[in-house]
N, C-alpha and C. Protein backbone atom coordinates (compact mmCIF):
# COMPACT_ATOMS: atom_id res chain seq x y z
N MET A 1 -13.20 32.65 40.11
CA MET A 1 -11.88 31.48 40.17
C MET A 1 -11.62 30.69 41.20
N ARG A 2 -11.83 29.23 41.35
CA ARG A 2 -11.60 28.77 42.67
C ARG A 2 -10.79 27.02 42.21
N LEU A 3 -10.16 26.72 43.35
CA LEU A 3 -9.98 25.31 43.25
C LEU A 3 -10.77 24.39 43.85
N GLU A 4 -11.16 23.34 43.65
CA GLU A 4 -12.41 22.22 44.07
C GLU A 4 -11.44 20.55 43.92
N PRO A 5 -11.34 20.14 45.22
CA PRO A 5 -10.99 18.50 44.95
C PRO A 5 -11.81 17.83 44.18
N ALA A 6 -11.32 16.89 43.33
CA ALA A 6 -12.10 16.46 42.49
C ALA A 6 -11.71 14.57 42.31
N GLY A 7 -11.85 14.25 43.43
CA GLY A 7 -11.56 12.95 43.77
C GLY A 7 -10.02 13.29 44.47
N PRO A 8 -9.85 11.54 45.24
CA PRO A 8 -8.24 11.74 45.99
C PRO A 8 -7.16 12.36 45.27
N GLU A 9 -7.00 12.05 43.94
CA GLU A 9 -5.98 12.63 43.27
C GLU A 9 -5.80 13.56 42.08
N ALA A 10 -6.98 14.87 42.54
CA ALA A 10 -7.23 15.63 41.14
C ALA A 10 -7.49 16.92 41.81
N LEU A 11 -7.36 17.66 41.02
CA LEU A 11 -8.20 19.38 41.55
C LEU A 11 -8.79 19.50 39.95
N LEU A 12 -9.97 20.39 40.40
CA LEU A 12 -10.56 20.89 39.47
C LEU A 12 -10.42 22.51 39.59
N LEU A 13 -9.90 23.52 38.60
CA LEU A 13 -9.92 24.69 38.53
C LEU A 13 -10.43 25.43 37.73
N VAL A 14 -11.54 25.94 38.47
CA VAL A 14 -12.69 26.46 38.09
C VAL A 14 -12.28 27.98 37.29
N LEU A 15 -12.00 28.16 36.37
CA LEU A 15 -11.61 29.71 35.88
C LEU A 15 -12.43 30.52 35.31
N ALA A 16 -13.27 30.29 34.82
CA ALA A 16 -14.36 31.18 34.50
C ALA A 16 -16.05 30.65 35.13
N ASP A 17 -16.72 31.52 34.86
CA ASP A 17 -18.38 31.20 34.67
C ASP A 17 -18.90 30.72 33.34
N GLN A 18 -18.52 31.36 32.43
CA GLN A 18 -18.83 31.31 31.12
C GLN A 18 -17.63 31.24 29.86
N PRO A 19 -17.87 30.49 29.10
CA PRO A 19 -16.97 30.20 27.80
C PRO A 19 -16.60 31.56 27.18
N ASP A 20 -15.49 31.83 26.59
CA ASP A 20 -15.81 32.86 25.85
C ASP A 20 -14.58 32.61 24.40
N ALA A 21 -14.55 33.07 23.22
CA ALA A 21 -13.61 32.41 22.49
C ALA A 21 -12.59 32.52 22.46
N GLY A 22 -11.70 33.53 23.34
CA GLY A 22 -10.15 33.46 23.76
C GLY A 22 -9.90 32.58 24.98
N LEU A 23 -10.95 32.03 25.68
CA LEU A 23 -10.45 31.19 27.14
C LEU A 23 -9.79 29.99 26.66
N PRO A 24 -10.48 29.12 25.72
CA PRO A 24 -9.50 27.98 25.36
C PRO A 24 -7.92 28.14 25.00
N LEU A 25 -7.52 29.22 24.49
CA LEU A 25 -6.21 29.38 24.19
C LEU A 25 -5.62 29.64 25.57
N ARG A 26 -6.21 30.50 26.47
CA ARG A 26 -5.44 30.76 27.34
C ARG A 26 -5.47 29.57 28.64
N ILE A 27 -6.28 29.31 28.30
CA ILE A 27 -6.55 27.67 29.47
C ILE A 27 -5.23 26.68 28.82
N ALA A 28 -5.22 26.55 27.69
CA ALA A 28 -4.12 25.50 26.89
C ALA A 28 -2.96 26.42 27.45
N ALA A 29 -2.63 27.58 27.58
CA ALA A 29 -1.45 28.09 27.84
C ALA A 29 -1.24 28.02 29.52
N LEU A 30 -1.93 27.94 30.52
CA LEU A 30 -1.97 27.88 31.63
C LEU A 30 -1.58 26.06 31.84
N ALA A 31 -2.48 25.44 31.05
CA ALA A 31 -1.63 23.63 30.98
C ALA A 31 -0.17 23.80 30.97
N ASP A 32 0.19 24.50 29.80
CA ASP A 32 1.56 24.39 29.65
C ASP A 32 2.64 25.17 30.78
N LEU A 33 1.81 25.99 31.54
CA LEU A 33 2.59 27.10 32.34
C LEU A 33 2.82 25.73 33.60
N ILE A 34 1.62 25.27 34.04
CA ILE A 34 1.97 24.25 34.98
C ILE A 34 2.60 22.84 34.72
N GLN A 35 2.56 22.43 33.43
CA GLN A 35 3.55 21.14 33.38
C GLN A 35 4.82 21.61 33.38
N LEU A 36 5.25 22.57 33.09
CA LEU A 36 6.57 23.47 32.96
C LEU A 36 6.67 23.44 34.65
N GLU A 37 6.05 23.94 35.56
CA GLU A 37 6.77 24.32 36.61
C GLU A 37 6.64 23.36 37.60
N LEU A 38 5.48 22.61 37.51
CA LEU A 38 4.92 21.34 38.14
C LEU A 38 5.02 19.91 37.85
N GLY A 39 5.82 20.04 36.63
CA GLY A 39 5.82 18.82 35.96
C GLY A 39 6.00 17.40 36.62
N PRO A 40 6.53 17.07 37.72
CA PRO A 40 6.75 16.12 38.32
C PRO A 40 5.70 15.47 39.10
N LEU A 41 5.07 16.65 39.58
CA LEU A 41 3.68 16.16 40.61
C LEU A 41 2.63 15.99 39.72
N VAL A 42 2.21 16.29 38.37
CA VAL A 42 1.69 16.18 37.72
C VAL A 42 1.33 15.00 36.58
N VAL A 43 0.24 14.25 36.73
CA VAL A 43 -0.25 13.26 35.77
C VAL A 43 -0.64 13.33 34.64
N ASP A 44 -1.64 14.26 34.84
CA ASP A 44 -2.43 14.76 33.75
C ASP A 44 -3.21 15.82 33.61
N LEU A 45 -3.41 16.65 32.81
CA LEU A 45 -4.33 17.93 32.75
C LEU A 45 -5.35 17.88 31.48
N VAL A 46 -6.18 18.07 31.73
CA VAL A 46 -7.59 17.94 30.94
C VAL A 46 -8.16 19.38 30.80
N PRO A 47 -7.97 20.32 29.74
CA PRO A 47 -8.70 21.32 29.59
C PRO A 47 -10.21 21.40 29.26
N GLY A 48 -10.78 22.16 30.32
CA GLY A 48 -12.72 22.27 29.41
C GLY A 48 -12.62 23.71 28.85
N TRP A 49 -13.81 23.92 28.27
CA TRP A 49 -14.30 25.08 28.15
C TRP A 49 -14.14 26.27 29.23
N THR A 50 -14.30 26.04 30.71
CA THR A 50 -13.99 26.98 31.49
C THR A 50 -13.10 26.33 32.80
N THR A 51 -12.78 25.14 32.41
CA THR A 51 -12.02 24.81 33.66
C THR A 51 -10.46 23.84 33.22
N LEU A 52 -9.92 23.49 34.43
CA LEU A 52 -8.77 22.78 33.61
C LEU A 52 -8.57 21.46 35.50
N LEU A 53 -8.56 20.46 34.53
CA LEU A 53 -8.77 19.10 35.46
C LEU A 53 -7.21 18.77 35.77
N LEU A 54 -7.05 19.06 36.94
CA LEU A 54 -5.60 18.60 37.04
C LEU A 54 -5.18 17.16 38.12
N HIS A 55 -4.99 16.31 37.26
CA HIS A 55 -4.57 14.81 38.19
C HIS A 55 -3.25 14.72 38.24
N TYR A 56 -2.75 14.17 39.90
CA TYR A 56 -1.44 14.84 40.45
C TYR A 56 -1.30 13.39 41.19
N ASP A 57 -0.13 13.31 41.18
CA ASP A 57 1.00 11.94 41.63
C ASP A 57 0.56 12.12 43.34
N LEU A 58 -0.60 11.61 43.94
CA LEU A 58 -0.38 11.68 45.52
C LEU A 58 0.74 11.12 46.32
N LEU A 59 1.59 10.05 45.96
CA LEU A 59 2.75 10.04 46.49
C LEU A 59 3.76 11.15 46.68
N ARG A 60 3.58 12.30 45.61
CA ARG A 60 4.51 13.27 45.76
C ARG A 60 3.82 14.53 46.31
N THR A 61 2.45 14.70 46.57
CA THR A 61 1.73 16.23 47.01
C THR A 61 0.54 15.76 47.39
N ASP A 62 -0.50 16.54 47.73
CA ASP A 62 -1.81 16.30 48.11
C ASP A 62 -2.41 17.74 47.83
N HIS A 63 -3.66 17.94 47.68
CA HIS A 63 -4.27 18.79 47.18
C HIS A 63 -4.23 20.29 47.91
N LEU A 64 -3.79 19.76 48.97
CA LEU A 64 -3.72 21.31 50.02
C LEU A 64 -2.24 21.93 49.51
N GLN A 65 -1.07 20.96 49.62
CA GLN A 65 0.00 21.50 49.09
C GLN A 65 0.07 22.02 47.60
N LEU A 66 -0.35 21.40 46.89
CA LEU A 66 -0.69 21.64 45.21
C LEU A 66 -1.28 22.95 45.33
N SER A 67 -2.37 23.10 46.03
CA SER A 67 -3.06 24.39 45.76
C SER A 67 -2.30 25.62 46.26
N ARG A 68 -1.48 25.33 47.22
CA ARG A 68 -0.40 26.44 47.53
C ARG A 68 0.45 26.73 46.49
N ARG A 69 0.91 25.57 45.99
CA ARG A 69 1.91 25.48 44.37
C ARG A 69 1.27 26.42 43.43
N LEU A 70 -0.14 26.18 43.21
CA LEU A 70 -0.91 26.81 42.17
C LEU A 70 -1.07 28.08 42.40
N LEU A 71 -1.43 28.70 43.54
CA LEU A 71 -1.70 29.99 43.29
C LEU A 71 -1.16 30.98 43.04
N PRO A 72 0.38 31.16 43.29
CA PRO A 72 1.11 32.10 42.50
C PRO A 72 1.05 32.25 40.81
N LEU A 73 1.12 30.64 40.42
CA LEU A 73 0.74 30.40 38.72
C LEU A 73 -0.35 31.18 38.34
N LEU A 74 -1.50 31.32 39.35
CA LEU A 74 -2.86 31.24 38.68
C LEU A 74 -2.81 32.72 38.80
N GLU A 75 -2.35 33.53 39.59
CA GLU A 75 -1.95 35.24 39.75
C GLU A 75 -1.56 35.51 38.82
N ASP A 76 -0.31 34.86 38.11
CA ASP A 76 0.24 35.64 36.97
C ASP A 76 -0.60 35.22 35.77
N TRP A 77 -1.10 34.14 35.54
CA TRP A 77 -2.15 33.85 34.62
C TRP A 77 -3.50 34.64 34.54
N CYS A 78 -3.68 35.30 35.45
CA CYS A 78 -4.97 36.15 35.38
C CYS A 78 -4.32 37.51 34.91
N VAL A 79 -3.39 37.91 35.24
CA VAL A 79 -2.92 38.99 34.43
C VAL A 79 -1.88 39.17 32.80
N GLN A 80 -1.75 37.78 32.92
CA GLN A 80 -1.35 37.75 31.25
C GLN A 80 -2.03 38.28 30.46
N ALA A 81 -1.34 38.63 29.35
CA ALA A 81 -2.03 39.37 28.12
C ALA A 81 -2.78 37.96 27.13
N GLN A 82 -3.60 38.21 26.25
CA GLN A 82 -4.23 37.14 25.54
C GLN A 82 -3.04 36.50 25.06
N PRO A 83 -2.97 34.85 24.98
CA PRO A 83 -1.60 34.31 24.04
C PRO A 83 -1.32 34.88 22.60
N SER A 84 -0.30 35.20 22.17
CA SER A 84 -0.03 35.82 20.67
C SER A 84 -0.37 34.96 19.61
N ARG A 85 -0.27 33.90 19.95
CA ARG A 85 -0.79 32.83 18.90
C ARG A 85 -2.10 32.70 18.76
N SER A 86 -2.62 32.35 17.97
CA SER A 86 -4.30 32.39 17.53
C SER A 86 -4.90 30.90 17.20
N GLY A 87 -3.99 30.14 17.50
CA GLY A 87 -4.51 28.37 17.27
C GLY A 87 -4.45 28.18 15.77
N HIS A 88 -4.25 27.05 15.73
CA HIS A 88 -4.13 26.49 14.12
C HIS A 88 -5.41 26.44 13.58
N LEU A 89 -5.32 26.78 12.26
CA LEU A 89 -6.63 27.04 11.64
C LEU A 89 -6.69 25.42 10.71
N HIS A 90 -7.51 24.69 10.95
CA HIS A 90 -7.90 23.48 10.09
C HIS A 90 -9.31 23.81 9.38
N GLU A 91 -8.94 23.45 8.15
CA GLU A 91 -10.06 23.56 7.18
C GLU A 91 -10.42 22.10 6.59
N ILE A 92 -11.38 21.21 7.00
CA ILE A 92 -11.94 20.24 7.27
C ILE A 92 -13.19 19.87 6.31
N PRO A 93 -12.96 19.04 5.22
CA PRO A 93 -14.28 19.04 4.13
C PRO A 93 -14.95 18.16 4.89
N VAL A 94 -16.52 18.28 4.51
CA VAL A 94 -17.61 17.48 4.90
C VAL A 94 -18.63 17.82 3.76
N TRP A 95 -18.77 16.27 3.71
CA TRP A 95 -20.49 16.32 2.61
C TRP A 95 -21.62 16.42 3.54
N TYR A 96 -22.21 17.40 3.40
CA TYR A 96 -23.56 17.59 4.36
C TYR A 96 -24.25 16.85 3.98
N ALA A 97 -24.31 15.51 4.11
CA ALA A 97 -25.59 14.61 3.86
C ALA A 97 -25.49 13.44 4.91
N GLY A 98 -25.72 14.15 6.17
CA GLY A 98 -25.94 13.17 7.57
C GLY A 98 -27.64 12.96 7.51
N GLU A 99 -27.46 11.81 8.13
CA GLU A 99 -29.29 11.30 8.22
C GLU A 99 -30.03 12.22 8.84
N ASP A 100 -29.67 12.97 9.83
CA ASP A 100 -30.71 14.23 10.42
C ASP A 100 -30.67 15.53 9.50
N LEU A 101 -29.99 15.46 8.40
CA LEU A 101 -29.76 16.84 7.89
C LEU A 101 -31.35 17.30 7.77
N ALA A 102 -32.22 16.62 6.78
CA ALA A 102 -33.60 17.19 6.64
C ALA A 102 -34.30 17.61 8.03
N GLU A 103 -34.16 16.57 8.84
CA GLU A 103 -35.18 16.63 10.28
C GLU A 103 -34.33 18.21 10.91
N VAL A 104 -33.36 18.12 10.88
CA VAL A 104 -32.78 19.64 11.69
C VAL A 104 -33.29 20.48 10.89
N ALA A 105 -32.91 20.64 9.35
CA ALA A 105 -33.85 21.81 8.75
C ALA A 105 -34.89 21.96 9.12
N ARG A 106 -35.79 21.04 9.06
CA ARG A 106 -37.32 21.77 9.48
C ARG A 106 -37.31 21.95 10.69
N ALA A 107 -36.65 21.27 11.72
CA ALA A 107 -36.55 21.88 13.25
C ALA A 107 -36.64 23.21 13.67
N CYS A 108 -35.39 23.56 12.56
CA CYS A 108 -34.81 24.85 12.59
C CYS A 108 -35.71 26.04 11.90
N ALA A 109 -36.34 25.54 10.84
CA ALA A 109 -37.54 26.55 9.91
C ALA A 109 -36.57 26.83 8.83
N LEU A 110 -35.62 26.00 8.37
CA LEU A 110 -34.52 26.35 7.12
C LEU A 110 -34.33 25.44 6.09
N SER A 111 -34.35 25.74 4.82
CA SER A 111 -34.07 24.99 4.11
C SER A 111 -32.29 24.09 4.36
N GLU A 112 -32.30 23.08 3.50
CA GLU A 112 -31.07 22.35 3.86
C GLU A 112 -30.03 23.34 2.96
N ALA A 113 -30.08 24.13 2.20
CA ALA A 113 -29.10 25.02 1.72
C ALA A 113 -28.82 26.05 3.16
N GLU A 114 -29.69 26.51 3.35
CA GLU A 114 -29.50 27.62 4.61
C GLU A 114 -28.57 27.04 5.50
N LEU A 115 -29.25 25.65 6.06
CA LEU A 115 -28.66 25.37 7.35
C LEU A 115 -27.25 25.20 7.16
N ILE A 116 -26.68 24.81 5.67
CA ILE A 116 -25.27 24.02 5.28
C ILE A 116 -24.49 25.43 5.35
N ALA A 117 -24.77 26.52 4.86
CA ALA A 117 -24.40 27.80 4.87
C ALA A 117 -24.09 28.39 6.14
N LEU A 118 -24.99 28.17 7.19
CA LEU A 118 -25.17 28.77 8.35
C LEU A 118 -23.89 27.83 9.33
N HIS A 119 -23.92 26.64 9.20
CA HIS A 119 -22.93 25.94 9.74
C HIS A 119 -21.40 26.19 9.22
N SER A 120 -21.55 26.06 7.66
CA SER A 120 -19.91 26.52 7.35
C SER A 120 -19.66 27.38 6.94
N GLY A 121 -20.21 28.65 7.94
CA GLY A 121 -20.01 29.99 7.73
C GLY A 121 -19.49 30.40 8.65
N VAL A 122 -19.17 29.96 9.53
CA VAL A 122 -18.56 30.10 10.87
C VAL A 122 -17.05 29.36 11.32
N GLU A 123 -16.19 30.17 12.03
CA GLU A 123 -15.08 29.75 12.33
C GLU A 123 -15.22 29.36 13.83
N TYR A 124 -14.70 27.76 14.39
CA TYR A 124 -15.33 27.35 15.51
C TYR A 124 -14.08 27.37 16.04
N ARG A 125 -13.96 27.01 17.45
CA ARG A 125 -12.89 27.61 18.40
C ARG A 125 -12.89 25.75 18.81
N VAL A 126 -11.77 25.20 19.28
CA VAL A 126 -11.98 23.82 19.83
C VAL A 126 -12.00 24.14 21.55
N GLY A 127 -13.02 23.87 22.18
CA GLY A 127 -12.66 24.51 23.46
C GLY A 127 -12.72 23.01 24.68
N ALA A 128 -12.82 22.03 23.96
CA ALA A 128 -12.63 20.57 25.12
C ALA A 128 -12.31 19.44 24.57
N ILE A 129 -11.47 18.70 24.81
CA ILE A 129 -11.44 17.17 23.96
C ILE A 129 -11.89 16.39 24.94
N GLY A 130 -12.79 15.13 24.83
CA GLY A 130 -13.46 14.36 25.89
C GLY A 130 -14.71 13.53 25.30
N PHE A 131 -15.20 12.74 25.99
CA PHE A 131 -16.19 11.68 25.46
C PHE A 131 -15.75 10.71 25.16
N ALA A 132 -14.77 10.98 24.16
CA ALA A 132 -14.24 9.82 23.58
C ALA A 132 -12.69 10.02 23.11
N PRO A 133 -11.84 9.13 22.78
CA PRO A 133 -10.74 9.98 22.36
C PRO A 133 -10.87 10.36 20.89
N GLY A 134 -10.12 11.92 21.22
CA GLY A 134 -10.13 12.62 19.93
C GLY A 134 -11.25 13.20 19.53
N PHE A 135 -12.40 13.20 20.82
CA PHE A 135 -13.72 14.17 20.32
C PHE A 135 -13.52 15.36 20.65
N ALA A 136 -13.28 16.49 19.83
CA ALA A 136 -13.32 17.77 19.96
C ALA A 136 -14.64 18.57 19.86
N TYR A 137 -14.80 19.15 21.09
CA TYR A 137 -16.01 19.91 21.14
C TYR A 137 -16.01 21.29 20.62
N LEU A 138 -16.62 21.77 19.57
CA LEU A 138 -16.02 22.94 18.77
C LEU A 138 -17.50 24.07 18.91
N GLY A 139 -17.05 24.98 19.54
CA GLY A 139 -18.26 26.39 19.29
C GLY A 139 -17.72 27.72 18.93
N GLU A 140 -18.61 28.59 18.55
CA GLU A 140 -20.16 28.45 19.05
C GLU A 140 -20.97 28.00 18.09
N LEU A 141 -21.73 27.76 18.07
CA LEU A 141 -22.83 27.03 16.68
C LEU A 141 -23.53 28.26 16.96
N ASP A 142 -24.13 28.68 15.63
CA ASP A 142 -25.05 29.50 15.48
C ASP A 142 -26.24 29.30 16.20
N ALA A 143 -26.78 30.51 16.91
CA ALA A 143 -28.13 30.15 17.65
C ALA A 143 -29.02 29.75 16.64
N ARG A 144 -29.07 30.01 15.73
CA ARG A 144 -30.41 29.41 14.80
C ARG A 144 -30.32 27.73 14.48
N LEU A 145 -29.17 27.35 14.82
CA LEU A 145 -28.87 25.85 14.63
C LEU A 145 -29.25 24.95 16.03
N SER A 146 -29.15 25.90 16.92
CA SER A 146 -29.42 25.34 18.34
C SER A 146 -30.49 24.16 18.71
N LEU A 147 -30.26 22.94 18.85
CA LEU A 147 -31.40 22.02 19.24
C LEU A 147 -30.99 21.42 20.33
N PRO A 148 -32.00 20.67 21.22
CA PRO A 148 -31.32 19.98 22.22
C PRO A 148 -30.84 18.68 21.60
N ARG A 149 -30.32 17.78 22.54
CA ARG A 149 -29.60 16.49 22.02
C ARG A 149 -30.91 15.41 21.79
N ARG A 150 -30.48 14.43 21.07
CA ARG A 150 -31.82 13.84 20.69
C ARG A 150 -32.38 13.26 21.91
N ARG A 151 -33.47 13.04 21.93
CA ARG A 151 -34.30 12.80 23.10
C ARG A 151 -33.91 11.04 23.14
N THR A 152 -33.65 10.10 22.19
CA THR A 152 -32.96 8.76 22.18
C THR A 152 -32.05 8.70 21.33
N PRO A 153 -30.60 8.58 22.16
CA PRO A 153 -29.26 8.34 21.42
C PRO A 153 -29.31 7.22 20.64
N ARG A 154 -28.61 7.23 19.57
CA ARG A 154 -28.16 6.34 18.96
C ARG A 154 -27.38 5.12 19.43
N THR A 155 -27.25 3.71 19.42
CA THR A 155 -26.08 3.04 19.96
C THR A 155 -24.91 3.11 19.09
N ARG A 156 -25.14 3.43 17.83
CA ARG A 156 -23.89 3.16 16.85
C ARG A 156 -24.10 4.42 15.88
N VAL A 157 -22.99 5.25 16.00
CA VAL A 157 -23.11 6.80 15.24
C VAL A 157 -21.36 6.49 14.44
N PRO A 158 -21.74 6.13 13.27
CA PRO A 158 -20.60 5.87 12.29
C PRO A 158 -19.24 6.97 12.48
N GLY A 159 -17.74 6.67 12.45
CA GLY A 159 -16.89 7.47 12.82
C GLY A 159 -16.78 8.50 11.47
N GLY A 160 -16.77 9.86 11.74
CA GLY A 160 -16.37 10.73 10.82
C GLY A 160 -17.94 11.12 10.50
N SER A 161 -18.63 10.71 11.83
CA SER A 161 -20.30 11.88 11.35
C SER A 161 -19.72 13.11 12.10
N LEU A 162 -20.44 14.49 11.50
CA LEU A 162 -20.49 15.81 11.65
C LEU A 162 -21.69 15.99 12.40
N ALA A 163 -21.91 16.16 13.57
CA ALA A 163 -22.99 16.07 14.47
C ALA A 163 -23.09 18.02 15.19
N ILE A 164 -24.63 17.88 15.73
CA ILE A 164 -24.42 19.46 16.27
C ILE A 164 -25.74 18.77 17.74
N ALA A 165 -25.43 19.52 18.62
CA ALA A 165 -26.09 19.52 19.79
C ALA A 165 -26.05 21.14 20.49
N GLU A 166 -26.96 21.65 21.04
CA GLU A 166 -27.23 22.77 21.67
C GLU A 166 -26.65 23.61 20.88
N ARG A 167 -25.41 24.53 21.39
CA ARG A 167 -24.62 25.69 20.67
C ARG A 167 -23.22 25.02 20.61
N GLN A 168 -22.89 23.77 20.12
CA GLN A 168 -21.84 23.26 20.09
C GLN A 168 -21.76 22.16 18.98
N THR A 169 -20.66 21.66 18.15
CA THR A 169 -20.54 20.79 16.98
C THR A 169 -19.35 20.18 16.93
N ALA A 170 -19.35 18.75 16.46
CA ALA A 170 -18.04 18.11 16.57
C ALA A 170 -18.19 17.11 15.37
N ILE A 171 -17.15 16.34 15.43
CA ILE A 171 -17.11 15.09 14.58
C ILE A 171 -16.73 13.87 15.14
N TYR A 172 -17.55 12.98 15.39
CA TYR A 172 -17.37 11.67 16.04
C TYR A 172 -15.74 10.78 15.20
N PRO A 173 -15.14 10.85 16.16
CA PRO A 173 -13.42 10.62 15.68
C PRO A 173 -13.85 8.91 15.10
N GLN A 174 -14.69 8.15 15.93
CA GLN A 174 -14.52 6.77 15.61
C GLN A 174 -15.99 6.28 15.93
N THR A 175 -16.33 4.94 15.64
CA THR A 175 -17.52 4.52 15.72
C THR A 175 -17.61 4.50 17.28
N SER A 176 -19.07 5.06 17.57
CA SER A 176 -19.27 4.95 19.18
C SER A 176 -20.94 5.43 19.13
N PRO A 177 -21.71 5.07 20.41
CA PRO A 177 -22.90 5.51 20.51
C PRO A 177 -23.01 7.05 20.76
N GLY A 178 -24.35 7.56 20.51
CA GLY A 178 -24.00 9.05 20.39
C GLY A 178 -25.26 9.90 20.55
N GLY A 179 -25.40 11.06 20.90
CA GLY A 179 -26.81 11.57 21.04
C GLY A 179 -27.14 12.83 20.24
N TRP A 180 -25.99 13.07 19.68
CA TRP A 180 -26.29 14.46 19.02
C TRP A 180 -26.55 14.06 17.38
N HIS A 181 -26.93 15.32 16.72
CA HIS A 181 -27.90 15.29 15.55
C HIS A 181 -26.89 15.14 14.18
N LEU A 182 -26.96 14.24 13.48
CA LEU A 182 -25.99 13.85 12.47
C LEU A 182 -26.24 14.62 10.92
N ILE A 183 -25.23 15.39 10.70
CA ILE A 183 -26.09 16.55 9.68
C ILE A 183 -24.88 16.41 8.41
N GLY A 184 -23.48 15.47 8.60
CA GLY A 184 -22.80 15.52 7.46
C GLY A 184 -21.77 14.45 7.85
N ARG A 185 -20.77 13.97 7.19
CA ARG A 185 -19.52 13.21 7.04
C ARG A 185 -18.30 13.97 6.35
N CYS A 186 -17.49 13.73 7.40
CA CYS A 186 -15.97 14.23 7.22
C CYS A 186 -14.99 12.76 6.61
N PRO A 187 -14.21 12.78 5.53
CA PRO A 187 -13.56 11.84 5.25
C PRO A 187 -12.16 11.59 5.98
N TRP A 188 -11.90 12.61 6.71
CA TRP A 188 -10.66 12.39 7.42
C TRP A 188 -10.83 11.93 8.39
N ARG A 189 -9.32 11.03 8.91
CA ARG A 189 -9.34 10.54 10.45
C ARG A 189 -8.69 11.40 11.05
N LEU A 190 -9.40 12.14 12.23
CA LEU A 190 -9.24 12.83 13.31
C LEU A 190 -8.50 12.68 14.15
N PHE A 191 -8.26 10.92 14.49
CA PHE A 191 -7.67 10.45 15.58
C PHE A 191 -7.32 9.27 15.42
N ASP A 192 -5.74 9.20 15.76
CA ASP A 192 -4.79 7.56 15.24
C ASP A 192 -3.73 7.65 16.74
N ALA A 193 -4.24 6.27 17.46
CA ALA A 193 -3.59 6.46 18.48
C ALA A 193 -2.15 5.94 18.16
N GLN A 194 -1.77 5.43 16.77
CA GLN A 194 -0.42 5.39 16.48
C GLN A 194 0.33 6.63 16.47
N ALA A 195 -0.46 7.91 16.12
CA ALA A 195 0.50 9.16 15.81
C ALA A 195 0.68 9.83 16.97
N GLU A 196 1.34 11.11 16.58
CA GLU A 196 1.95 11.56 17.14
C GLU A 196 1.77 13.13 16.84
N PRO A 197 1.01 14.09 17.86
CA PRO A 197 0.10 13.69 18.47
C PRO A 197 -0.94 12.63 18.15
N PRO A 198 -1.64 11.79 18.76
CA PRO A 198 -2.73 10.91 18.53
C PRO A 198 -4.16 11.91 17.76
N CYS A 199 -4.14 13.01 18.61
CA CYS A 199 -5.53 13.87 17.64
C CYS A 199 -5.10 14.84 17.03
N ALA A 200 -5.79 14.98 16.02
CA ALA A 200 -5.50 15.89 14.83
C ALA A 200 -5.96 17.51 15.25
N LEU A 201 -6.84 17.41 16.60
CA LEU A 201 -7.01 18.79 16.78
C LEU A 201 -6.70 19.08 18.30
N ALA A 202 -6.49 20.25 18.82
CA ALA A 202 -5.91 20.87 20.22
C ALA A 202 -6.78 21.64 20.61
N VAL A 203 -6.67 21.99 21.96
CA VAL A 203 -7.67 22.86 22.51
C VAL A 203 -7.16 24.20 22.29
N GLY A 204 -7.80 25.08 21.61
CA GLY A 204 -7.61 26.40 20.95
C GLY A 204 -7.57 26.59 19.81
N ASP A 205 -7.38 25.17 19.15
CA ASP A 205 -7.38 25.35 17.57
C ASP A 205 -8.57 26.08 17.12
N ARG A 206 -8.46 26.24 15.55
CA ARG A 206 -9.53 27.03 15.05
C ARG A 206 -10.16 25.81 14.07
N VAL A 207 -11.38 26.09 13.46
CA VAL A 207 -11.65 24.93 12.73
C VAL A 207 -12.87 25.74 11.64
N ARG A 208 -12.59 25.35 10.34
CA ARG A 208 -13.83 25.63 9.36
C ARG A 208 -14.28 24.60 8.71
N PHE A 209 -15.25 24.36 8.40
CA PHE A 209 -15.74 23.28 7.20
C PHE A 209 -16.24 23.62 5.98
N LEU A 210 -15.55 22.72 5.26
CA LEU A 210 -15.37 23.16 3.96
C LEU A 210 -16.84 22.20 2.93
N ALA A 211 -17.72 22.68 2.69
CA ALA A 211 -18.92 21.72 2.19
C ALA A 211 -18.34 21.19 1.09
N ILE A 212 -18.02 19.92 0.42
CA ILE A 212 -17.87 19.00 -0.86
C ILE A 212 -18.97 18.54 -1.12
N ASP A 213 -19.12 17.84 -2.25
CA ASP A 213 -20.02 16.70 -2.52
C ASP A 213 -19.41 15.59 -2.57
N GLU A 214 -20.58 14.62 -2.87
CA GLU A 214 -20.15 13.44 -2.69
C GLU A 214 -18.84 12.37 -3.28
N ALA A 215 -18.57 13.05 -4.62
CA ALA A 215 -17.60 12.61 -5.47
C ALA A 215 -16.20 13.07 -4.78
N ALA A 216 -16.40 14.55 -4.56
CA ALA A 216 -14.88 14.77 -3.51
C ALA A 216 -15.07 14.14 -2.29
N PHE A 217 -15.90 13.94 -1.47
CA PHE A 217 -15.88 12.93 -0.32
C PHE A 217 -15.37 11.94 -0.60
N ARG A 218 -15.73 10.91 -1.70
CA ARG A 218 -15.10 9.36 -1.71
C ARG A 218 -13.64 9.59 -2.64
N ALA A 219 -13.47 10.94 -3.08
CA ALA A 219 -11.80 11.05 -3.60
C ALA A 219 -10.70 11.43 -2.36
N GLU A 220 -11.73 11.75 -1.10
CA GLU A 220 -10.73 12.17 -0.12
C GLU A 220 -10.62 11.01 1.03
N GLY A 221 -11.16 9.77 0.37
CA GLY A 221 -10.88 8.46 1.10
C GLY A 221 -12.26 8.55 2.06
N GLY A 222 -13.36 9.17 1.91
CA GLY A 222 -14.73 8.67 2.33
C GLY A 222 -14.92 7.31 2.11
N ALA A 223 -15.51 6.34 3.46
CA ALA A 223 -16.20 5.03 3.34
C ALA A 223 -17.31 5.50 2.60
N PRO A 224 -17.76 4.41 1.81
CA PRO A 224 -19.21 4.24 1.58
C PRO A 224 -20.29 4.13 2.94
């Protein structure tokens, strides 16, 4: 564990070398603790798979003073038991009809049905939210589905697209560029800037994908 300056108004807390299933919940708990204890100094907290980025108010503190305030909190966090909550479970419907589905199946030496069974048969954990508002990185993807990102990213990926890359999977919450492999479509809106909270998924939450057909996708409000 170490603290690293990340520009003039941020500290990066590196909390582990490798991610594990329980770490996102523990990092979320640490963020809550820091917000509670150091709230007036904190501008924003951004959890990652193994890190917590802390943006602070430079008019109130600096990275040396803040580091000294953080050390006892981190010592307490290190000896705390795993949080009792297990993270909210979201069961998200997906029509497995992404434009890369057949290509991904061939690359993984699987039938499309086998690919769908593998992808939907796992409970994922939200490890980080970033890249775009509401873009939740979910892991860990079955190793048999692990592929590098596309050599040439798309300039436009439709919102609601379910995608995979390496050992992660995600749903693009809005239309944006993207370099992941598209294997399905989700009819739900997972980010709404006017809602509270705006993002349906939070770090530490659990996700299961439920395979549905086109008729159910349309009935759930999926766009043509």
